[in-house]
């Protein structure tokens, strides 16, 4: 049985990828029921086109402007937009505004462990320093690990500027 808990606004495990991720709940907190995290991302942030075999994914745009691709649909997503990404449906997003804040859920939990492989501990609750290098997406070795360990298949590159209709 899980125990009730509260995470304050700036609380949670903080990691850096191309943005800041604050993990509010992970599998061990919820008995595997769900995981939740808040992301702060700069313009152009986009994961590769991918599909989850084990969990559904939900998104709520807190601030900023984004574009989501779910299946074959490209959907504008201003603040206040909710997006449901069921398992086995390819999806990705791109930040269109200077920054965006996004709340994300995995149901059930577990797949969030992938982010711990792809990130580093955040040194501050801010965007990471710019590396000057464009994101190239995961390596072939990382893609193989994602598929085997997390049931996530990468189907294509991050969403480029020309992918937005």
N, C-alpha and C. Protein backbone atom coordinates (compact mmCIF):
# COMPACT_ATOMS: atom_id res chain seq x y z
N UNK A 1 0.84 -1.18 0.00
CA UNK A 1 0.00 0.00 0.00
C UNK A 1 0.89 1.24 0.00
N UNK A 2 0.53 2.21 -0.80
CA UNK A 2 1.30 3.46 -0.85
C UNK A 2 0.83 4.40 0.25
N UNK A 3 1.68 5.37 0.53
CA UNK A 3 1.39 6.37 1.55
C UNK A 3 1.11 7.72 0.88
N UNK A 4 0.25 8.52 1.48
CA UNK A 4 0.03 9.87 0.94
C UNK A 4 1.33 10.67 1.00
N UNK A 5 1.49 11.58 0.06
CA UNK A 5 2.66 12.46 0.08
C UNK A 5 2.32 13.75 -0.63
N UNK A 6 3.10 14.78 -0.36
CA UNK A 6 2.93 16.09 -0.98
C UNK A 6 4.31 16.56 -1.45
N UNK A 7 4.38 17.06 -2.67
CA UNK A 7 5.61 17.61 -3.22
C UNK A 7 5.37 19.10 -3.44
N UNK A 8 6.21 19.97 -2.87
CA UNK A 8 6.00 21.42 -3.04
C UNK A 8 6.30 21.86 -4.48
N UNK A 9 5.91 23.09 -4.84
CA UNK A 9 6.08 23.56 -6.21
C UNK A 9 7.49 23.39 -6.78
N UNK A 10 8.52 23.65 -6.00
CA UNK A 10 9.88 23.51 -6.53
C UNK A 10 10.52 22.18 -6.11
N UNK A 11 9.72 21.27 -5.58
CA UNK A 11 10.23 20.00 -5.08
C UNK A 11 10.23 18.91 -6.14
N UNK A 12 10.85 17.82 -5.78
CA UNK A 12 10.96 16.67 -6.66
C UNK A 12 12.39 16.49 -7.13
N UNK A 13 12.69 15.32 -7.61
CA UNK A 13 14.02 15.04 -8.15
C UNK A 13 14.21 15.85 -9.43
N UNK A 14 15.26 16.65 -9.48
CA UNK A 14 15.49 17.57 -10.61
C UNK A 14 16.61 17.04 -11.49
N UNK A 15 16.34 16.94 -12.79
CA UNK A 15 17.35 16.52 -13.76
C UNK A 15 17.36 17.49 -14.94
N UNK A 16 18.49 17.48 -15.64
CA UNK A 16 18.63 18.26 -16.87
C UNK A 16 18.78 17.33 -18.07
N UNK A 17 18.02 17.60 -19.09
CA UNK A 17 18.23 17.05 -20.44
C UNK A 17 18.51 18.30 -21.27
N UNK A 18 17.70 18.56 -22.30
CA UNK A 18 17.77 19.87 -22.97
C UNK A 18 16.97 20.88 -22.19
N UNK A 19 16.26 20.42 -21.17
CA UNK A 19 15.49 21.27 -20.28
C UNK A 19 15.59 20.77 -18.85
N UNK A 20 14.77 21.32 -17.99
CA UNK A 20 14.70 20.93 -16.59
C UNK A 20 13.50 20.01 -16.39
N UNK A 21 13.70 18.90 -15.70
CA UNK A 21 12.60 18.00 -15.35
C UNK A 21 12.55 17.90 -13.83
N UNK A 22 11.35 18.13 -13.26
CA UNK A 22 11.10 17.93 -11.84
C UNK A 22 10.15 16.76 -11.69
N UNK A 23 10.67 15.63 -11.22
CA UNK A 23 9.85 14.44 -11.03
C UNK A 23 9.04 14.60 -9.75
N UNK A 24 7.74 14.64 -9.87
CA UNK A 24 6.84 14.82 -8.74
C UNK A 24 6.45 13.48 -8.11
N UNK A 25 6.31 12.44 -8.92
CA UNK A 25 5.97 11.11 -8.45
C UNK A 25 6.54 10.09 -9.43
N UNK A 26 7.11 9.03 -8.89
CA UNK A 26 7.65 7.95 -9.72
C UNK A 26 7.06 6.63 -9.22
N UNK A 27 7.37 5.55 -9.89
CA UNK A 27 6.75 4.25 -9.60
C UNK A 27 6.83 3.87 -8.13
N UNK A 28 7.98 4.06 -7.52
CA UNK A 28 8.12 3.64 -6.10
C UNK A 28 7.24 4.48 -5.17
N UNK A 29 6.86 5.69 -5.59
CA UNK A 29 5.99 6.54 -4.76
C UNK A 29 4.52 6.14 -4.85
N UNK A 30 4.12 5.60 -6.01
CA UNK A 30 2.70 5.37 -6.29
C UNK A 30 2.35 3.89 -6.43
N UNK A 31 3.25 3.02 -6.02
CA UNK A 31 2.99 1.59 -6.19
C UNK A 31 2.89 1.20 -7.65
N UNK A 32 3.55 1.97 -8.51
CA UNK A 32 3.54 1.68 -9.95
C UNK A 32 2.33 2.21 -10.68
N UNK A 33 1.42 2.90 -9.99
CA UNK A 33 0.18 3.35 -10.62
C UNK A 33 0.42 4.42 -11.69
N UNK A 34 1.26 5.41 -11.37
CA UNK A 34 1.52 6.48 -12.33
C UNK A 34 2.80 7.20 -11.94
N UNK A 35 3.33 7.93 -12.89
CA UNK A 35 4.45 8.85 -12.63
C UNK A 35 4.06 10.19 -13.22
N UNK A 36 4.56 11.27 -12.58
CA UNK A 36 4.22 12.62 -13.00
C UNK A 36 5.47 13.48 -12.91
N UNK A 37 5.69 14.31 -13.94
CA UNK A 37 6.80 15.25 -13.88
C UNK A 37 6.45 16.53 -14.62
N UNK A 38 7.12 17.59 -14.19
CA UNK A 38 6.98 18.90 -14.81
C UNK A 38 8.27 19.20 -15.55
N UNK A 39 8.16 19.70 -16.77
CA UNK A 39 9.33 20.04 -17.58
C UNK A 39 9.31 21.52 -17.93
N UNK A 40 10.48 22.12 -17.93
CA UNK A 40 10.70 23.47 -18.44
C UNK A 40 11.66 23.31 -19.60
N UNK A 41 11.22 23.70 -20.80
CA UNK A 41 12.00 23.41 -22.01
C UNK A 41 12.14 24.65 -22.88
N UNK A 42 13.30 24.80 -23.54
CA UNK A 42 13.49 25.93 -24.44
C UNK A 42 12.89 25.66 -25.83
N UNK A 43 12.75 26.74 -26.60
CA UNK A 43 12.26 26.65 -27.99
C UNK A 43 13.02 25.56 -28.74
N UNK A 44 12.29 24.78 -29.51
CA UNK A 44 12.88 23.74 -30.34
C UNK A 44 13.02 22.39 -29.67
N UNK A 45 12.80 22.31 -28.36
CA UNK A 45 12.91 21.01 -27.68
C UNK A 45 11.92 20.03 -28.28
N UNK A 46 12.40 18.84 -28.56
CA UNK A 46 11.54 17.82 -29.16
C UNK A 46 12.16 16.44 -28.95
N UNK A 47 11.38 15.49 -28.44
CA UNK A 47 11.88 14.12 -28.41
C UNK A 47 11.78 13.51 -29.80
N UNK A 48 12.47 12.41 -30.02
CA UNK A 48 12.28 11.71 -31.29
C UNK A 48 10.84 11.18 -31.38
N UNK A 49 10.39 10.93 -32.58
CA UNK A 49 9.10 10.27 -32.77
C UNK A 49 9.23 8.88 -32.15
N UNK A 50 8.30 8.54 -31.25
CA UNK A 50 8.43 7.28 -30.53
C UNK A 50 7.05 6.73 -30.16
N UNK A 51 7.06 5.48 -29.71
CA UNK A 51 5.84 4.82 -29.26
C UNK A 51 6.17 4.03 -27.99
N UNK A 52 5.24 4.06 -27.04
CA UNK A 52 5.37 3.29 -25.80
C UNK A 52 4.51 2.04 -25.92
N UNK A 53 5.07 0.90 -25.55
CA UNK A 53 4.32 -0.35 -25.57
C UNK A 53 3.68 -0.66 -24.23
N UNK A 54 4.17 -0.04 -23.14
CA UNK A 54 3.74 -0.41 -21.79
C UNK A 54 2.89 0.62 -21.08
N UNK A 55 2.96 1.88 -21.47
CA UNK A 55 2.23 2.90 -20.75
C UNK A 55 1.57 3.89 -21.70
N UNK A 56 0.48 4.47 -21.21
CA UNK A 56 -0.15 5.61 -21.86
C UNK A 56 0.55 6.85 -21.35
N UNK A 57 0.54 7.92 -22.14
CA UNK A 57 1.20 9.16 -21.74
C UNK A 57 0.22 10.31 -21.93
N UNK A 58 0.15 11.17 -20.93
CA UNK A 58 -0.73 12.33 -20.98
C UNK A 58 0.11 13.58 -20.75
N UNK A 59 -0.31 14.67 -21.40
CA UNK A 59 0.42 15.94 -21.33
C UNK A 59 -0.56 17.07 -21.05
N UNK A 60 -0.12 18.04 -20.24
CA UNK A 60 -0.89 19.26 -20.01
C UNK A 60 0.08 20.43 -20.14
N UNK A 61 -0.17 21.31 -21.11
CA UNK A 61 0.70 22.46 -21.35
C UNK A 61 0.35 23.52 -20.31
N UNK A 62 1.28 23.78 -19.40
CA UNK A 62 1.08 24.76 -18.34
C UNK A 62 1.33 26.18 -18.82
N UNK A 63 2.41 26.37 -19.58
CA UNK A 63 2.78 27.68 -20.12
C UNK A 63 3.44 27.48 -21.47
N UNK A 64 3.28 28.47 -22.35
CA UNK A 64 3.96 28.43 -23.64
C UNK A 64 3.11 27.87 -24.75
N UNK A 65 3.76 27.67 -25.88
CA UNK A 65 3.11 27.17 -27.09
C UNK A 65 3.89 25.95 -27.57
N UNK A 66 3.17 24.90 -27.92
CA UNK A 66 3.80 23.67 -28.40
C UNK A 66 3.03 23.16 -29.60
N UNK A 67 3.65 22.24 -30.32
CA UNK A 67 2.97 21.46 -31.35
C UNK A 67 3.16 20.00 -30.98
N UNK A 68 2.08 19.24 -30.99
CA UNK A 68 2.14 17.81 -30.73
C UNK A 68 1.85 17.05 -32.01
N UNK A 69 2.54 15.95 -32.18
CA UNK A 69 2.21 14.98 -33.21
C UNK A 69 1.74 13.74 -32.48
N UNK A 70 0.49 13.33 -32.74
CA UNK A 70 -0.08 12.12 -32.17
C UNK A 70 -0.64 11.35 -33.35
N UNK A 71 -0.05 10.18 -33.64
CA UNK A 71 -0.41 9.47 -34.85
C UNK A 71 0.02 10.32 -36.04
N UNK A 72 -0.88 10.58 -36.96
CA UNK A 72 -0.58 11.39 -38.13
C UNK A 72 -0.99 12.85 -37.97
N UNK A 73 -1.58 13.19 -36.83
CA UNK A 73 -2.09 14.55 -36.61
C UNK A 73 -1.04 15.44 -35.97
N UNK A 74 -0.89 16.65 -36.50
CA UNK A 74 -0.07 17.71 -35.89
C UNK A 74 -1.05 18.69 -35.26
N UNK A 75 -0.92 18.88 -33.94
CA UNK A 75 -1.91 19.64 -33.19
C UNK A 75 -1.27 20.83 -32.49
N UNK A 76 -1.75 22.06 -32.73
CA UNK A 76 -1.24 23.20 -31.96
C UNK A 76 -1.68 23.05 -30.51
N UNK A 77 -0.79 23.41 -29.59
CA UNK A 77 -1.09 23.20 -28.17
C UNK A 77 -0.64 24.41 -27.35
N UNK A 78 -1.50 25.44 -27.25
CA UNK A 78 -1.18 26.57 -26.37
C UNK A 78 -1.40 26.16 -24.92
N UNK A 79 -1.00 27.03 -23.99
CA UNK A 79 -1.20 26.78 -22.57
C UNK A 79 -2.66 26.42 -22.31
N UNK A 80 -2.86 25.41 -21.45
CA UNK A 80 -4.20 24.94 -21.14
C UNK A 80 -4.62 23.72 -21.94
N UNK A 81 -3.80 23.31 -22.90
CA UNK A 81 -4.12 22.17 -23.75
C UNK A 81 -3.76 20.86 -23.05
N UNK A 82 -4.66 19.88 -23.14
CA UNK A 82 -4.42 18.52 -22.66
C UNK A 82 -4.29 17.61 -23.87
N UNK A 83 -3.30 16.72 -23.85
CA UNK A 83 -3.07 15.78 -24.95
C UNK A 83 -2.98 14.37 -24.37
N UNK A 84 -3.74 13.44 -24.93
CA UNK A 84 -3.69 12.03 -24.52
C UNK A 84 -2.93 11.26 -25.59
N UNK A 85 -1.89 10.55 -25.17
CA UNK A 85 -1.09 9.72 -26.07
C UNK A 85 -1.18 8.26 -25.66
N UNK A 86 -2.15 7.53 -26.18
CA UNK A 86 -2.30 6.13 -25.77
C UNK A 86 -1.11 5.28 -26.20
N UNK A 87 -0.86 4.22 -25.44
CA UNK A 87 0.23 3.31 -25.81
C UNK A 87 0.00 2.81 -27.23
N UNK A 88 1.08 2.49 -27.89
CA UNK A 88 1.10 1.97 -29.26
C UNK A 88 0.72 3.00 -30.32
N UNK A 89 0.64 4.29 -29.95
CA UNK A 89 0.40 5.37 -30.91
C UNK A 89 1.64 6.27 -30.92
N UNK A 90 2.24 6.44 -32.08
CA UNK A 90 3.45 7.27 -32.20
C UNK A 90 3.13 8.72 -31.84
N UNK A 91 4.08 9.36 -31.14
CA UNK A 91 3.87 10.74 -30.73
C UNK A 91 5.20 11.44 -30.48
N UNK A 92 5.11 12.77 -30.45
CA UNK A 92 6.24 13.64 -30.10
C UNK A 92 5.69 15.06 -30.00
N UNK A 93 6.53 15.99 -29.60
CA UNK A 93 6.13 17.39 -29.51
C UNK A 93 7.32 18.27 -29.82
N UNK A 94 7.02 19.56 -29.99
CA UNK A 94 8.06 20.57 -30.19
C UNK A 94 7.63 21.84 -29.48
N UNK A 95 8.57 22.48 -28.77
CA UNK A 95 8.30 23.76 -28.12
C UNK A 95 8.40 24.85 -29.17
N UNK A 96 7.34 25.64 -29.32
CA UNK A 96 7.29 26.71 -30.31
C UNK A 96 7.60 28.08 -29.71
N UNK A 97 7.28 28.28 -28.44
CA UNK A 97 7.53 29.55 -27.76
C UNK A 97 8.97 29.57 -27.23
N UNK A 98 9.38 30.69 -26.66
CA UNK A 98 10.76 30.78 -26.16
C UNK A 98 11.02 29.74 -25.08
N UNK A 99 10.05 29.47 -24.23
CA UNK A 99 10.09 28.37 -23.26
C UNK A 99 8.68 27.82 -23.12
N UNK A 100 8.58 26.62 -22.60
CA UNK A 100 7.28 26.02 -22.29
C UNK A 100 7.42 25.20 -21.02
N UNK A 101 6.33 25.15 -20.27
CA UNK A 101 6.23 24.27 -19.11
C UNK A 101 5.17 23.23 -19.40
N UNK A 102 5.52 21.97 -19.15
CA UNK A 102 4.66 20.85 -19.51
C UNK A 102 4.56 19.89 -18.34
N UNK A 103 3.36 19.44 -18.04
CA UNK A 103 3.14 18.40 -17.04
C UNK A 103 2.86 17.10 -17.79
N UNK A 104 3.57 16.03 -17.41
CA UNK A 104 3.46 14.76 -18.12
C UNK A 104 3.19 13.63 -17.13
N UNK A 105 2.32 12.68 -17.55
CA UNK A 105 2.01 11.48 -16.76
C UNK A 105 2.32 10.25 -17.59
N UNK A 106 2.83 9.22 -16.93
CA UNK A 106 2.85 7.86 -17.47
C UNK A 106 1.88 7.04 -16.62
N UNK A 107 1.02 6.27 -17.28
CA UNK A 107 0.08 5.38 -16.61
C UNK A 107 0.15 4.02 -17.30
N UNK A 108 0.63 2.97 -16.64
CA UNK A 108 1.21 2.94 -15.31
C UNK A 108 2.62 3.53 -15.33
N UNK A 109 3.20 3.63 -14.14
CA UNK A 109 4.55 4.18 -13.98
C UNK A 109 5.61 3.17 -14.41
N UNK A 110 6.85 3.62 -14.43
CA UNK A 110 7.99 2.75 -14.72
C UNK A 110 8.84 3.27 -15.85
N UNK A 111 8.21 3.75 -16.90
CA UNK A 111 8.95 4.24 -18.06
C UNK A 111 9.76 5.50 -17.78
N UNK A 112 9.44 6.20 -16.67
CA UNK A 112 10.18 7.41 -16.33
C UNK A 112 11.64 7.11 -16.03
N UNK A 113 11.97 5.86 -15.72
CA UNK A 113 13.37 5.49 -15.47
C UNK A 113 14.25 5.78 -16.69
N UNK A 114 13.66 5.76 -17.88
CA UNK A 114 14.39 6.09 -19.10
C UNK A 114 15.03 7.47 -18.99
N UNK A 115 14.30 8.43 -18.38
CA UNK A 115 14.82 9.79 -18.28
C UNK A 115 16.06 9.87 -17.39
N UNK A 116 16.14 8.98 -16.41
CA UNK A 116 17.31 9.00 -15.55
C UNK A 116 18.56 8.55 -16.31
N UNK A 117 18.38 7.74 -17.35
CA UNK A 117 19.49 7.35 -18.23
C UNK A 117 19.89 8.47 -19.17
N UNK A 118 18.92 9.32 -19.52
CA UNK A 118 19.14 10.35 -20.54
C UNK A 118 19.43 11.74 -19.95
N UNK A 119 19.56 11.84 -18.63
CA UNK A 119 19.71 13.15 -18.02
C UNK A 119 20.85 13.13 -17.00
N UNK A 120 21.08 14.30 -16.44
CA UNK A 120 22.05 14.43 -15.36
C UNK A 120 21.39 15.24 -14.24
N UNK A 121 21.87 15.10 -13.01
CA UNK A 121 21.26 15.88 -11.93
C UNK A 121 21.33 17.38 -12.23
N UNK A 122 20.23 18.07 -12.00
CA UNK A 122 20.20 19.52 -12.23
C UNK A 122 20.97 20.23 -11.13
N UNK A 123 21.76 21.20 -11.52
CA UNK A 123 22.52 22.00 -10.56
C UNK A 123 21.71 23.16 -10.03
N UNK A 124 20.60 23.48 -10.68
CA UNK A 124 19.69 24.55 -10.27
C UNK A 124 18.31 24.24 -10.85
N UNK A 125 17.31 24.90 -10.34
CA UNK A 125 15.93 24.71 -10.84
C UNK A 125 15.69 25.68 -12.00
N UNK A 126 16.59 25.63 -13.00
CA UNK A 126 16.54 26.48 -14.18
C UNK A 126 16.83 25.63 -15.40
N UNK A 127 16.69 26.23 -16.57
CA UNK A 127 17.15 25.55 -17.78
C UNK A 127 18.65 25.30 -17.66
N UNK A 128 19.15 24.21 -18.23
CA UNK A 128 20.59 23.97 -18.18
C UNK A 128 21.33 24.98 -19.05
N UNK A 129 22.61 25.19 -18.78
CA UNK A 129 23.38 26.08 -19.65
C UNK A 129 23.36 25.53 -21.08
N UNK A 130 23.27 26.41 -22.05
CA UNK A 130 23.27 25.99 -23.45
C UNK A 130 24.61 25.37 -23.79
N UNK A 131 24.56 24.22 -24.46
CA UNK A 131 25.80 23.53 -24.82
C UNK A 131 26.39 24.09 -26.11
N UNK A 132 25.56 24.78 -26.90
CA UNK A 132 26.03 25.26 -28.19
C UNK A 132 25.93 24.21 -29.28
N UNK A 133 25.65 22.97 -28.88
CA UNK A 133 25.52 21.88 -29.84
C UNK A 133 24.05 21.53 -30.01
N UNK A 134 23.58 21.36 -31.26
CA UNK A 134 22.20 20.94 -31.44
C UNK A 134 22.02 19.49 -30.98
N UNK A 135 20.83 19.19 -30.46
CA UNK A 135 20.54 17.83 -30.03
C UNK A 135 20.49 16.91 -31.24
N UNK A 136 21.17 15.79 -31.15
CA UNK A 136 21.19 14.83 -32.25
C UNK A 136 20.29 13.65 -31.99
N UNK A 137 19.66 13.61 -30.82
CA UNK A 137 18.80 12.48 -30.48
C UNK A 137 19.62 11.34 -29.93
N UNK A 138 18.96 10.24 -29.59
CA UNK A 138 19.64 9.12 -28.97
C UNK A 138 20.56 8.38 -29.93
N UNK A 139 21.59 7.75 -29.37
CA UNK A 139 22.49 6.92 -30.16
C UNK A 139 21.81 5.58 -30.47
N UNK A 140 22.38 4.83 -31.40
CA UNK A 140 21.83 3.51 -31.74
C UNK A 140 21.83 2.60 -30.52
N UNK A 141 22.86 2.69 -29.69
CA UNK A 141 22.94 1.86 -28.49
C UNK A 141 21.83 2.24 -27.51
N UNK A 142 21.56 3.55 -27.37
CA UNK A 142 20.49 4.00 -26.47
C UNK A 142 19.13 3.54 -26.98
N UNK A 143 18.92 3.63 -28.29
CA UNK A 143 17.65 3.19 -28.87
C UNK A 143 17.42 1.71 -28.58
N UNK A 144 18.44 0.89 -28.73
CA UNK A 144 18.31 -0.55 -28.44
C UNK A 144 17.97 -0.78 -26.97
N UNK A 145 18.59 -0.01 -26.08
CA UNK A 145 18.31 -0.14 -24.65
C UNK A 145 16.88 0.29 -24.35
N UNK A 146 16.42 1.40 -24.97
CA UNK A 146 15.04 1.86 -24.76
C UNK A 146 14.06 0.76 -25.11
N UNK A 147 14.28 0.14 -26.26
CA UNK A 147 13.36 -0.89 -26.73
C UNK A 147 13.34 -2.09 -25.79
N UNK A 148 14.51 -2.55 -25.40
CA UNK A 148 14.58 -3.75 -24.57
C UNK A 148 14.11 -3.48 -23.14
N UNK A 149 14.63 -2.45 -22.52
CA UNK A 149 14.37 -2.21 -21.10
C UNK A 149 13.04 -1.52 -20.83
N UNK A 150 12.63 -0.60 -21.71
CA UNK A 150 11.48 0.24 -21.42
C UNK A 150 10.30 0.05 -22.37
N UNK A 151 10.43 -0.81 -23.37
CA UNK A 151 9.31 -0.99 -24.29
C UNK A 151 8.98 0.25 -25.07
N UNK A 152 9.98 1.08 -25.35
CA UNK A 152 9.79 2.29 -26.14
C UNK A 152 10.56 2.16 -27.43
N UNK A 153 9.86 2.31 -28.55
CA UNK A 153 10.52 2.23 -29.85
C UNK A 153 10.65 3.63 -30.44
N UNK A 154 11.85 3.97 -30.87
CA UNK A 154 12.10 5.24 -31.56
C UNK A 154 11.83 5.01 -33.04
N UNK A 155 10.96 5.84 -33.62
CA UNK A 155 10.54 5.67 -35.01
C UNK A 155 11.09 6.72 -35.95
N UNK A 156 11.57 7.84 -35.39
CA UNK A 156 12.05 8.91 -36.24
C UNK A 156 12.76 9.97 -35.43
N UNK A 157 13.28 10.98 -36.11
CA UNK A 157 14.06 12.02 -35.43
C UNK A 157 13.17 12.99 -34.66
N UNK A 158 13.80 13.88 -33.87
CA UNK A 158 13.03 14.96 -33.25
C UNK A 158 12.29 15.76 -34.32
N UNK A 159 11.24 16.43 -33.91
CA UNK A 159 10.42 17.23 -34.83
C UNK A 159 11.19 18.49 -35.20
N UNK A 160 11.50 18.64 -36.46
CA UNK A 160 12.21 19.81 -36.93
C UNK A 160 11.27 20.96 -37.22
N UNK A 161 11.82 22.15 -37.43
CA UNK A 161 10.96 23.31 -37.69
C UNK A 161 10.05 23.13 -38.89
N UNK A 162 10.51 22.39 -39.90
CA UNK A 162 9.69 22.22 -41.10
C UNK A 162 8.57 21.21 -40.88
N UNK A 163 8.60 20.45 -39.77
CA UNK A 163 7.55 19.45 -39.51
C UNK A 163 6.28 20.10 -39.00
N UNK A 164 6.34 21.35 -38.57
CA UNK A 164 5.16 22.05 -38.08
C UNK A 164 4.39 22.60 -39.27
N UNK A 165 3.13 22.17 -39.43
CA UNK A 165 2.36 22.64 -40.62
C UNK A 165 2.07 24.12 -40.55
